[in-house]
Amino acid sequence: MDFDVIIIGSGPGGYVTAIRAAQLGLKTAIVERELLGGICLNWGCIPTKALLRSGDIYEQLGHLGDYGLSAENPGYDFTKVIARSRKVASQLNSGVAFLMKKHKIEVIEGTAKLEKGSPAPKVVVALKAGGSRTVQAKHVILATGARARTFPETGLVPDGDRVWTYREALVPKTAPKRLIVIGSGAIGIEFASFYRALGSEVTVIEMLPRILPVEDEEVSKAAHKAFEKRGIKFRVPASVKTLTKSKTGVAVEIEVGGKAETLEGDVAIVAVGIVGNVEDLGLEALGVKVERTHVVTDSHGATGVAGLYAIGDVAGPPWLAHKASHEGVHCIEQIAGQNPPNINAPIPGCTYSNPQVASVGLTEAQAKEQGLEPKVGRFPFRVNGKAIAMGETEGFVKTVFDGKTGALIGAHMIGAEVTEMIQGFALAMTLEATEVELQATVFPHPTLSEAMHEASLDAYGKVLHI
C-alpha cells in the first residue's frame, strides 16, 4: 500500500484535508493537475478580493472631500491592479506548497483517473512531466471542485476575448468600457462591483425575480437599490435568448417582461452557476452515483464505492471554500475513527461587493415555509455610531429567531465589513445560542458589531437606539 490517503485536488477542501490527515498520522498524497490551492486560491476567492480591494480604495478617492481630505488627479494603472492580484495568489500558492512540505505530504503533479482496486480504487496519474504513475491507498478522497457553467446553445461560451468566465475576468489586459454580467449571484455581483468601481458601464442580467436570489428578500432589495445608486444597471427578471460576438463587442438579446431587448457591450461575463468536475475520472466504470454533475455522498462524504469519498464543490452545494474545508476535515476525522461532531454546522455565505452582503442560516421566508414562527429583529447602520464615524451608514442587520424556542436560526446583513462580522452569528448558531445569550453578550463600543446586538434586542422589542 503506497499511502493511507490519496486526495485528488488541492483546493481549500483538498489541501486542508491533506494537512489534517497528516496531523492524524496518516501517510498522505495529494494529486493536483494545475496549481496548489485550486481555483479558489489561484482563480477565485483570493485574487477577486485583491481586485475588489483596489476597486474599493479607488472609489473611496472620489469621496475624500467627505472626510476633509483631498488628492489631485487620482487614477489607476490597470496592469498593476491585475499584477497585484496575481502576486497575492502566487504568494498563497507558495504558502500551500510550504505546508505540504512541512507536513510531509507527497504532491503528485498530474491528472488522476480511478480504476477498480481494493480496499479503495487505484489512482492512475498522467504525470505533468510525462509518463504515468499508479498509486494505491486505503482511502481516496475526491476534491476536484467545479467550473463555470456555460450554455453553448445561446452563445454563452467563453472565448477569452469577448465572453469571459471568472477566470478571464481576473486577467484582462484592459478594463472594458461597457460590461454585461449574466448572473447576479456572488461571482457576478463581485465582478460587477469591481469593474463599476473602475468606471466601467455595467449591466447585470438576472433570470430570477431579484438579484442575489439566495439572500433574504430584504437584503436583496437593499442591495439592488445600493448598486443602482453606484450606477450599476439591472435587467430583472430577464432571460437570455442569444449572445452574438463581433470584433468590437457583444450583443445580448434578452426578454424582459415579455418584451425583447438587445444589450450591447464590449465584453460579457458568464456567471450563471457551476458544474462539478466529474468527467474523465473513471466514476462511471466504478459505479459512483452522480446527480446533476455532483457526486452523491452520505453525511460523512462517503460514496457508494468502498474507500472512495467526495468533498467540496464536486459533492454539491453550497459551493463555498469554507464548506469544502469543513467537509474535508470531518471526512478525514471520520476515516480516522474520531467520530467528529457537527457536520451540519451553519455555513455563512459572503458577497464582497460594495456594500458587502453576508448571511447564515434561514431567511425569514424559509423559516415560515418550514412552519416555524420567526421573531425578526432589524437594526440600521445609519444610527450606529461607528458607521456614522466611518461614513458607512448604508445597510442593516437582520436577525431571525425561532419564536417558540428562542434559538437564533438566521442572520442577514448588508453594509460595510459585514463579511467580517457574520462569523459572530455563525458561532452563536453553532453553540445553539438563544436570544437570552445574545442579548446578554457585551458588545464593544463603538463598533459596527453593536448593530448585531441591537438587531437581537429588536426581535424582542428591547432595541435601545431607535
Protein backbone atom coordinates (compact mmCIF):
# COMPACT_ATOMS: atom_id res chain seq x y z
CA MET A 1 0.00 0.00 0.00
CA ASP A 2 1.55 3.30 -1.13
CA PHE A 3 -0.48 5.64 1.10
CA ASP A 4 -3.16 5.71 3.74
CA VAL A 5 -4.97 8.54 1.94
CA ILE A 6 -4.83 9.98 -1.56
CA ILE A 7 -6.65 13.24 -2.19
CA ILE A 8 -7.43 14.29 -5.74
CA GLY A 9 -7.47 18.09 -5.95
CA SER A 10 -5.64 20.66 -3.83
CA GLY A 11 -8.22 23.41 -3.42
CA PRO A 12 -9.37 24.58 0.03
CA GLY A 13 -11.09 21.23 0.50
CA GLY A 14 -8.22 19.06 -0.71
CA TYR A 15 -5.17 20.71 0.84
CA VAL A 16 -6.83 21.29 4.23
CA THR A 17 -7.93 17.65 4.27
CA ALA A 18 -4.37 16.58 3.45
CA ILE A 19 -2.97 18.63 6.33
CA ARG A 20 -5.48 17.19 8.80
CA ALA A 21 -4.75 13.68 7.54
CA ALA A 22 -1.03 14.21 8.14
CA GLN A 23 -1.74 15.56 11.62
CA LEU A 24 -3.62 12.35 12.34
CA GLY A 25 -0.55 10.32 11.39
CA LEU A 26 -1.82 9.13 8.01
CA LYS A 27 0.62 8.79 5.12
CA THR A 28 -0.87 11.21 2.63
CA ALA A 29 -0.55 12.17 -1.03
CA ILE A 30 -2.32 14.84 -3.00
CA VAL A 31 -2.77 14.83 -6.77
CA GLU A 32 -3.00 18.22 -8.50
CA ARG A 33 -3.20 18.77 -12.24
CA GLU A 34 -2.63 22.53 -12.19
CA LEU A 35 -1.77 24.77 -9.20
CA LEU A 36 -1.73 24.06 -5.48
CA GLY A 37 -4.60 25.87 -3.83
CA GLY A 38 -7.01 25.13 -6.65
CA ILE A 39 -9.46 27.55 -8.22
CA CYS A 40 -10.27 29.41 -5.00
CA LEU A 41 -6.73 30.46 -4.21
CA ASN A 42 -5.48 30.96 -7.77
CA TRP A 43 -8.53 31.96 -9.80
CA GLY A 44 -11.35 32.69 -7.40
CA CYS A 45 -11.75 33.72 -3.77
CA ILE A 46 -8.35 35.28 -3.18
CA PRO A 47 -7.49 37.19 -6.38
CA THR A 48 -11.02 38.58 -6.66
CA LYS A 49 -10.71 40.03 -3.16
CA ALA A 50 -7.42 41.65 -4.15
CA LEU A 51 -9.13 43.25 -7.15
CA LEU A 52 -12.10 44.36 -5.07
CA ARG A 53 -9.76 45.98 -2.56
CA SER A 54 -8.14 48.01 -5.32
CA GLY A 55 -11.58 48.99 -6.60
CA ASP A 56 -12.83 49.99 -3.15
CA ILE A 57 -9.82 52.19 -2.46
CA TYR A 58 -10.05 53.87 -5.86
CA GLU A 59 -13.76 54.51 -5.38
CA GLN A 60 -13.11 56.00 -1.95
CA LEU A 61 -10.73 58.51 -3.52
CA GLY A 62 -13.77 60.08 -5.13
CA HIS A 63 -15.20 60.81 -1.68
CA LEU A 64 -12.15 62.22 0.06
CA GLY A 65 -13.87 65.56 0.49
CA ASP A 66 -16.40 63.89 2.80
CA TYR A 67 -13.53 63.24 5.22
CA GLY A 68 -11.88 66.63 4.92
CA LEU A 69 -9.17 65.25 2.64
CA SER A 70 -8.01 65.97 -0.88
CA ALA A 71 -5.81 64.45 -3.58
CA GLU A 72 -5.08 65.65 -7.09
CA ASN A 73 -5.98 63.64 -10.17
CA PRO A 74 -6.36 60.15 -8.66
CA GLY A 75 -6.11 57.38 -11.23
CA TYR A 76 -5.18 53.75 -11.65
CA ASP A 77 -2.85 51.56 -13.66
CA PHE A 78 -4.98 48.58 -14.67
CA THR A 79 -1.96 46.42 -15.45
CA LYS A 80 -0.63 46.97 -11.93
CA VAL A 81 -4.04 46.28 -10.39
CA ILE A 82 -4.13 42.90 -12.12
CA ALA A 83 -0.46 42.24 -11.31
CA ARG A 84 -1.07 42.83 -7.60
CA SER A 85 -3.95 40.35 -7.66
CA ARG A 86 -1.77 37.71 -9.31
CA LYS A 87 1.05 38.37 -6.82
CA VAL A 88 -1.32 37.79 -3.90
CA ALA A 89 -2.46 34.48 -5.42
CA SER A 90 1.13 33.44 -6.10
CA GLN A 91 2.16 34.20 -2.53
CA LEU A 92 -0.57 31.99 -1.11
CA ASN A 93 0.16 29.26 -3.65
CA SER A 94 3.72 29.19 -2.31
CA GLY A 95 2.31 29.04 1.20
CA VAL A 96 0.33 25.90 0.40
CA ALA A 97 3.44 24.31 -1.11
CA PHE A 98 5.30 25.07 2.13
CA LEU A 99 2.53 23.46 4.18
CA MET A 100 2.63 20.32 2.04
CA LYS A 101 6.37 20.03 2.61
CA LYS A 102 6.09 20.79 6.32
CA HIS A 103 3.55 18.00 6.84
CA LYS A 104 5.43 15.54 4.61
CA ILE A 105 2.54 15.29 2.16
CA GLU A 106 3.63 14.00 -1.22
CA VAL A 107 2.40 16.17 -4.08
CA ILE A 108 1.91 14.28 -7.34
CA GLU A 109 1.60 16.67 -10.28
CA GLY A 110 -0.68 15.32 -12.93
CA THR A 111 -4.22 14.29 -13.88
CA ALA A 112 -5.83 11.45 -11.95
CA LYS A 113 -8.15 8.70 -13.08
CA LEU A 114 -9.66 5.97 -10.92
CA GLU A 115 -9.65 2.26 -11.63
CA LYS A 116 -11.05 -0.66 -9.68
CA GLY A 117 -8.90 -1.66 -6.75
CA SER A 118 -9.01 -2.76 -3.13
CA PRO A 119 -9.56 -1.58 -0.43
CA ALA A 120 -10.11 1.62 -2.43
CA PRO A 121 -9.92 2.43 -6.15
CA LYS A 122 -6.44 2.69 -7.66
CA VAL A 123 -5.33 6.13 -8.79
CA VAL A 124 -3.62 6.32 -12.17
CA VAL A 125 -1.90 9.67 -12.68
CA ALA A 126 -0.90 11.04 -16.07
CA LEU A 127 2.12 12.99 -14.87
CA LYS A 128 2.79 16.57 -15.93
CA ALA A 129 6.39 15.64 -16.54
CA GLY A 130 5.35 12.79 -18.81
CA GLY A 131 4.51 9.15 -18.32
CA SER A 132 2.16 7.79 -15.71
CA ARG A 133 2.17 6.53 -12.15
CA THR A 134 -0.28 4.20 -10.42
CA VAL A 135 -0.71 4.57 -6.67
CA GLN A 136 -2.88 2.76 -4.15
CA ALA A 137 -4.27 3.89 -0.82
CA LYS A 138 -6.68 2.67 1.82
CA HIS A 139 -8.84 5.72 1.18
CA VAL A 140 -9.29 8.08 -1.78
CA ILE A 141 -10.97 11.47 -1.44
CA LEU A 142 -12.27 13.40 -4.45
CA ALA A 143 -11.85 17.16 -4.08
CA THR A 144 -11.89 18.07 -7.76
CA GLY A 145 -14.09 21.15 -7.40
CA ALA A 146 -16.22 22.72 -10.08
CA ARG A 147 -16.08 25.12 -13.01
CA ALA A 148 -18.30 27.78 -14.57
CA ARG A 149 -21.44 26.60 -16.32
CA THR A 150 -21.73 27.52 -19.98
CA PHE A 151 -24.65 27.48 -22.42
CA PRO A 152 -23.46 26.76 -25.98
CA GLU A 153 -26.99 26.83 -27.36
CA THR A 154 -27.28 30.56 -26.60
CA GLY A 155 -23.66 31.52 -27.25
CA LEU A 156 -22.69 31.79 -23.58
CA VAL A 157 -19.31 30.16 -24.05
CA PRO A 158 -16.06 31.87 -23.01
CA ASP A 159 -13.61 32.67 -25.79
CA GLY A 160 -11.03 34.61 -23.78
CA ASP A 161 -11.77 37.72 -25.83
CA ARG A 162 -15.37 38.93 -25.75
CA VAL A 163 -17.00 36.35 -23.49
CA TRP A 164 -15.45 35.69 -20.09
CA THR A 165 -15.94 33.45 -17.08
CA TYR A 166 -14.45 34.42 -13.71
CA ARG A 167 -11.09 33.18 -14.95
CA GLU A 168 -10.79 35.54 -17.91
CA ALA A 169 -12.31 38.38 -15.86
CA LEU A 170 -9.34 38.17 -13.47
CA VAL A 171 -6.61 38.81 -16.04
CA PRO A 172 -7.77 41.07 -18.90
CA LYS A 173 -5.34 43.48 -20.49
CA THR A 174 -7.74 46.41 -20.17
CA ALA A 175 -10.92 47.19 -18.28
CA PRO A 176 -13.98 47.12 -20.56
CA LYS A 177 -15.83 50.38 -21.04
CA ARG A 178 -19.16 48.55 -21.30
CA LEU A 179 -19.61 45.31 -19.39
CA ILE A 180 -22.57 42.93 -19.37
CA VAL A 181 -22.72 40.48 -16.46
CA ILE A 182 -25.01 37.48 -16.89
CA GLY A 183 -25.99 36.20 -13.46
CA SER A 184 -26.36 38.07 -10.17
CA GLY A 185 -25.04 35.56 -7.67
CA ALA A 186 -21.94 36.33 -5.61
CA ILE A 187 -19.50 35.92 -8.52
CA GLY A 188 -21.46 38.10 -10.93
CA ILE A 189 -22.10 40.82 -8.37
CA GLU A 190 -18.47 40.93 -7.22
CA PHE A 191 -17.16 41.46 -10.75
CA ALA A 192 -19.92 43.99 -11.43
CA SER A 193 -18.88 45.86 -8.28
CA PHE A 194 -15.16 45.80 -9.14
CA TYR A 195 -15.45 46.96 -12.74
CA ARG A 196 -18.01 49.62 -11.83
CA ALA A 197 -15.55 50.96 -9.22
CA LEU A 198 -13.03 51.47 -12.03
CA GLY A 199 -15.57 53.33 -14.14
CA SER A 200 -17.00 50.65 -16.45
CA GLU A 201 -20.63 50.91 -17.52
CA VAL A 202 -22.09 47.73 -16.03
CA THR A 203 -25.39 46.00 -16.72
CA VAL A 204 -26.37 42.84 -14.81
CA ILE A 205 -28.90 40.35 -16.20
CA GLU A 206 -30.73 38.05 -13.78
CA MET A 207 -33.27 35.40 -14.76
CA LEU A 208 -34.93 35.21 -11.32
CA PRO A 209 -37.20 37.92 -9.88
CA ARG A 210 -34.44 39.52 -7.78
CA ILE A 211 -30.67 39.81 -7.57
CA LEU A 212 -28.66 37.77 -5.08
CA PRO A 213 -31.60 35.35 -5.07
CA VAL A 214 -30.27 33.10 -2.28
CA GLU A 215 -30.25 36.02 0.16
CA ASP A 216 -33.09 37.25 2.34
CA GLU A 217 -35.51 39.29 0.26
CA GLU A 218 -34.99 42.47 2.29
CA VAL A 219 -31.23 42.25 1.81
CA SER A 220 -31.68 41.53 -1.89
CA LYS A 221 -33.86 44.61 -2.37
CA ALA A 222 -31.47 46.81 -0.38
CA ALA A 223 -28.52 45.54 -2.43
CA HIS A 224 -30.33 46.26 -5.69
CA LYS A 225 -31.00 49.82 -4.58
CA ALA A 226 -27.43 50.35 -3.35
CA PHE A 227 -25.86 49.01 -6.55
CA GLU A 228 -28.13 51.14 -8.71
CA LYS A 229 -27.04 54.16 -6.66
CA ARG A 230 -23.45 53.32 -7.69
CA GLY A 231 -24.50 53.28 -11.33
CA ILE A 232 -24.94 49.55 -11.98
CA LYS A 233 -27.92 48.80 -14.20
CA PHE A 234 -30.11 45.71 -13.88
CA ARG A 235 -32.45 43.72 -16.09
CA VAL A 236 -34.54 41.61 -13.68
CA PRO A 237 -36.15 39.20 -14.32
CA ALA A 238 -34.75 38.67 -17.79
CA SER A 239 -33.97 35.60 -19.88
CA VAL A 240 -31.06 35.49 -22.30
CA LYS A 241 -32.06 34.35 -25.76
CA THR A 242 -28.78 34.67 -27.66
CA LEU A 243 -25.34 36.20 -27.39
CA THR A 244 -23.54 37.17 -30.56
CA LYS A 245 -19.95 38.38 -30.88
CA SER A 246 -18.24 40.79 -33.22
CA LYS A 247 -14.70 42.16 -33.47
CA THR A 248 -15.69 45.13 -31.31
CA GLY A 249 -18.07 43.65 -28.74
CA VAL A 250 -21.09 41.55 -27.89
CA ALA A 251 -24.83 41.83 -28.34
CA VAL A 252 -27.09 40.05 -25.87
CA GLU A 253 -30.72 39.52 -26.81
CA ILE A 254 -32.93 39.26 -23.75
CA GLU A 255 -36.61 39.12 -22.89
CA VAL A 256 -37.83 41.34 -20.05
CA GLY A 257 -41.47 41.33 -19.07
CA GLY A 258 -42.44 39.73 -22.36
CA LYS A 259 -40.59 42.35 -24.39
CA ALA A 260 -37.44 41.78 -26.46
CA GLU A 261 -34.39 43.94 -25.84
CA THR A 262 -30.81 43.96 -27.08
CA LEU A 263 -27.92 44.98 -24.85
CA GLU A 264 -24.56 45.88 -26.33
CA GLY A 265 -21.22 45.82 -24.58
CA ASP A 266 -17.52 45.35 -25.09
CA VAL A 267 -17.43 42.18 -23.01
CA ALA A 268 -19.85 39.77 -21.31
CA ILE A 269 -19.11 37.80 -18.15
CA VAL A 270 -20.97 34.50 -17.78
CA ALA A 271 -21.70 33.86 -14.08
CA VAL A 272 -24.71 31.57 -14.10
CA GLY A 273 -23.72 28.70 -11.86
CA ILE A 274 -21.22 25.89 -11.86
CA VAL A 275 -20.86 22.23 -12.83
CA GLY A 276 -18.89 19.66 -10.86
CA ASN A 277 -15.60 18.33 -12.25
CA VAL A 278 -16.64 14.70 -12.57
CA GLU A 279 -15.53 13.95 -16.14
CA ASP A 280 -12.66 11.64 -17.06
CA LEU A 281 -12.24 10.37 -13.51
CA GLY A 282 -13.50 6.87 -14.24
CA LEU A 283 -16.51 7.30 -11.95
CA GLU A 284 -19.00 5.61 -14.27
CA ALA A 285 -16.93 2.42 -14.54
CA LEU A 286 -16.71 2.27 -10.73
CA GLY A 287 -20.45 2.73 -10.32
CA VAL A 288 -20.19 6.05 -8.50
CA LYS A 289 -23.56 7.78 -8.32
CA VAL A 290 -23.53 11.23 -9.92
CA GLU A 291 -26.54 13.57 -9.98
CA ARG A 292 -26.55 16.84 -11.91
CA THR A 293 -22.73 16.76 -12.21
CA HIS A 294 -22.19 16.21 -8.48
CA VAL A 295 -21.05 13.08 -6.66
CA VAL A 296 -23.65 11.74 -4.25
CA THR A 297 -22.32 11.13 -0.72
CA ASP A 298 -23.58 10.40 2.76
CA SER A 299 -23.19 12.81 5.66
CA HIS A 300 -19.54 11.79 6.11
CA GLY A 301 -18.53 12.23 2.46
CA ALA A 302 -18.62 8.52 1.60
CA THR A 303 -19.77 7.45 -1.86
CA GLY A 304 -21.34 4.07 -2.57
CA VAL A 305 -17.91 2.73 -3.56
CA ALA A 306 -15.73 1.25 -0.82
CA GLY A 307 -12.88 3.54 0.19
CA LEU A 308 -14.00 6.44 -2.02
CA TYR A 309 -15.17 9.80 -0.69
CA ALA A 310 -16.04 13.23 -2.12
CA ILE A 311 -16.00 16.69 -0.54
CA GLY A 312 -16.47 20.32 -1.52
CA ASP A 313 -17.93 21.67 -4.74
CA VAL A 314 -17.85 18.32 -6.54
CA ALA A 315 -20.11 16.93 -3.79
CA GLY A 316 -22.77 19.63 -4.18
CA PRO A 317 -23.92 22.92 -2.70
CA PRO A 318 -23.28 25.25 -1.08
CA TRP A 319 -20.31 25.88 -3.35
CA LEU A 320 -18.11 27.64 -0.83
CA ALA A 321 -14.45 27.23 0.05
CA HIS A 322 -15.04 27.11 3.80
CA LYS A 323 -17.70 24.45 3.35
CA ALA A 324 -15.18 22.33 1.43
CA SER A 325 -12.59 22.68 4.19
CA HIS A 326 -15.17 21.84 6.86
CA GLU A 327 -16.36 18.75 4.98
CA GLY A 328 -12.80 17.61 4.34
CA VAL A 329 -11.76 17.81 7.98
CA HIS A 330 -14.92 16.00 9.03
CA CYS A 331 -14.41 13.30 6.39
CA ILE A 332 -10.81 12.53 7.31
CA GLU A 333 -11.55 12.54 11.05
CA GLN A 334 -14.37 10.09 10.41
CA ILE A 335 -11.98 7.90 8.40
CA ALA A 336 -9.55 8.03 11.34
CA GLY A 337 -12.28 6.82 13.70
CA GLN A 338 -12.71 10.02 15.67
CA ASN A 339 -16.50 10.32 15.14
CA PRO A 340 -16.33 14.10 14.67
CA PRO A 341 -19.37 16.21 15.60
CA ASN A 342 -21.26 18.88 13.77
CA ILE A 343 -21.06 18.05 10.07
CA ASN A 344 -24.20 20.17 9.71
CA ALA A 345 -22.73 23.32 11.23
CA PRO A 346 -24.29 26.52 9.86
CA ILE A 347 -22.35 27.73 6.82
CA PRO A 348 -22.16 31.50 6.26
CA GLY A 349 -22.16 32.99 2.79
CA CYS A 350 -20.44 36.25 1.80
CA THR A 351 -20.50 38.59 -1.19
CA TYR A 352 -17.57 41.03 -1.15
CA SER A 353 -19.19 43.78 -3.17
CA ASN A 354 -19.72 47.39 -2.16
CA PRO A 355 -21.78 47.24 0.01
CA GLN A 356 -20.91 43.79 1.32
CA VAL A 357 -23.53 41.11 1.92
CA ALA A 358 -23.33 38.25 4.42
CA SER A 359 -25.75 35.69 5.79
CA VAL A 360 -26.07 32.44 7.71
CA GLY A 361 -28.99 30.12 8.38
CA LEU A 362 -32.61 30.51 7.35
CA THR A 363 -34.16 33.55 5.73
CA GLU A 364 -37.40 34.84 7.17
CA ALA A 365 -39.30 33.31 4.25
CA GLN A 366 -37.60 29.92 4.67
CA ALA A 367 -38.44 29.87 8.37
CA LYS A 368 -42.11 30.44 7.57
CA GLU A 369 -42.03 27.78 4.85
CA GLN A 370 -40.75 25.30 7.44
CA GLY A 371 -43.72 26.02 9.66
CA LEU A 372 -41.75 28.00 12.22
CA GLU A 373 -42.94 31.20 13.86
CA PRO A 374 -39.98 33.55 13.36
CA LYS A 375 -39.32 36.56 15.52
CA VAL A 376 -37.43 39.08 13.42
CA GLY A 377 -35.21 41.96 14.50
CA ARG A 378 -33.59 44.71 12.44
CA PHE A 379 -31.11 47.47 13.08
CA PRO A 380 -29.83 50.02 10.51
CA PHE A 381 -26.23 51.20 10.33
CA ARG A 382 -27.45 54.77 9.83
CA VAL A 383 -27.84 55.10 13.63
CA ASN A 384 -24.73 53.12 14.58
CA GLY A 385 -22.03 55.43 15.99
CA LYS A 386 -19.07 53.68 14.39
CA ALA A 387 -20.80 53.53 11.00
CA ILE A 388 -21.51 57.25 11.15
CA ALA A 389 -17.90 57.99 12.10
CA MET A 390 -16.67 55.84 9.21
CA GLY A 391 -19.09 57.42 6.74
CA GLU A 392 -20.53 53.95 6.08
CA THR A 393 -24.17 54.28 7.09
CA GLU A 394 -25.72 52.18 4.34
CA GLY A 395 -27.20 48.80 5.26
CA PHE A 396 -28.62 46.92 8.21
CA VAL A 397 -28.53 43.75 10.29
CA LYS A 398 -31.49 41.37 10.40
CA THR A 399 -31.89 38.52 12.88
CA VAL A 400 -34.32 35.60 12.72
CA PHE A 401 -35.21 33.68 15.90
CA ASP A 402 -37.46 30.68 16.44
CA GLY A 403 -40.45 32.17 18.22
CA LYS A 404 -41.04 29.02 20.27
CA THR A 405 -37.51 28.16 21.43
CA GLY A 406 -35.71 31.48 21.11
CA ALA A 407 -32.95 29.84 19.07
CA LEU A 408 -31.14 32.02 16.55
CA ILE A 409 -31.94 30.37 13.20
CA GLY A 410 -30.77 33.02 10.73
CA ALA A 411 -28.92 36.30 10.32
CA HIS A 412 -28.65 38.57 7.28
CA MET A 413 -26.50 41.65 6.83
CA ILE A 414 -25.67 44.28 4.25
CA GLY A 415 -23.15 47.05 4.75
CA ALA A 416 -19.52 47.80 5.47
CA GLU A 417 -17.42 44.88 6.79
CA VAL A 418 -20.39 42.57 7.35
CA THR A 419 -18.38 39.69 5.87
CA GLU A 420 -16.08 40.03 8.88
CA MET A 421 -18.98 40.13 11.36
CA ILE A 422 -21.14 37.23 10.16
CA GLN A 423 -18.89 34.73 11.96
CA GLY A 424 -20.32 36.03 15.25
CA PHE A 425 -23.77 34.84 14.30
CA ALA A 426 -22.38 31.60 12.86
CA LEU A 427 -20.65 30.93 16.17
CA ALA A 428 -23.84 31.70 18.09
CA MET A 429 -25.82 29.27 15.93
CA THR A 430 -23.15 26.56 16.26
CA LEU A 431 -23.33 26.94 20.06
CA GLU A 432 -27.16 26.83 19.82
CA ALA A 433 -27.50 30.26 21.35
CA THR A 434 -30.90 31.78 22.03
CA GLU A 435 -31.95 35.39 22.30
CA VAL A 436 -31.06 35.25 26.01
CA GLU A 437 -27.35 34.64 25.36
CA LEU A 438 -27.13 37.15 22.51
CA GLN A 439 -28.90 39.88 24.44
CA ALA A 440 -26.68 39.24 27.49
CA THR A 441 -23.47 39.43 25.44
CA VAL A 442 -21.47 42.64 25.91
CA PHE A 443 -20.57 44.14 22.51
CA PRO A 444 -17.73 46.69 22.47
CA HIS A 445 -18.47 50.35 21.73
CA PRO A 446 -18.08 51.93 19.30
CA THR A 447 -18.19 49.09 16.75
CA LEU A 448 -20.27 48.07 13.78
CA SER A 449 -20.96 44.84 15.65
CA GLU A 450 -23.25 46.71 18.04
CA ALA A 451 -25.81 46.54 15.26
CA MET A 452 -25.80 42.75 15.73
CA HIS A 453 -26.71 43.20 19.39
CA GLU A 454 -29.40 45.77 18.65
CA ALA A 455 -30.98 43.56 15.97
CA SER A 456 -31.17 40.73 18.51
CA LEU A 457 -32.79 43.09 21.02
CA ASP A 458 -35.19 44.40 18.39
CA ALA A 459 -36.61 40.94 17.73
CA TYR A 460 -37.97 41.00 21.27
CA GLY A 461 -38.98 44.65 21.50
CA LYS A 462 -35.93 45.70 23.50
CA VAL A 463 -33.99 47.77 20.94
CA LEU A 464 -32.20 50.70 22.57
CA HIS A 465 -31.04 53.15 19.92
CA ILE A 466 -34.10 53.59 17.72
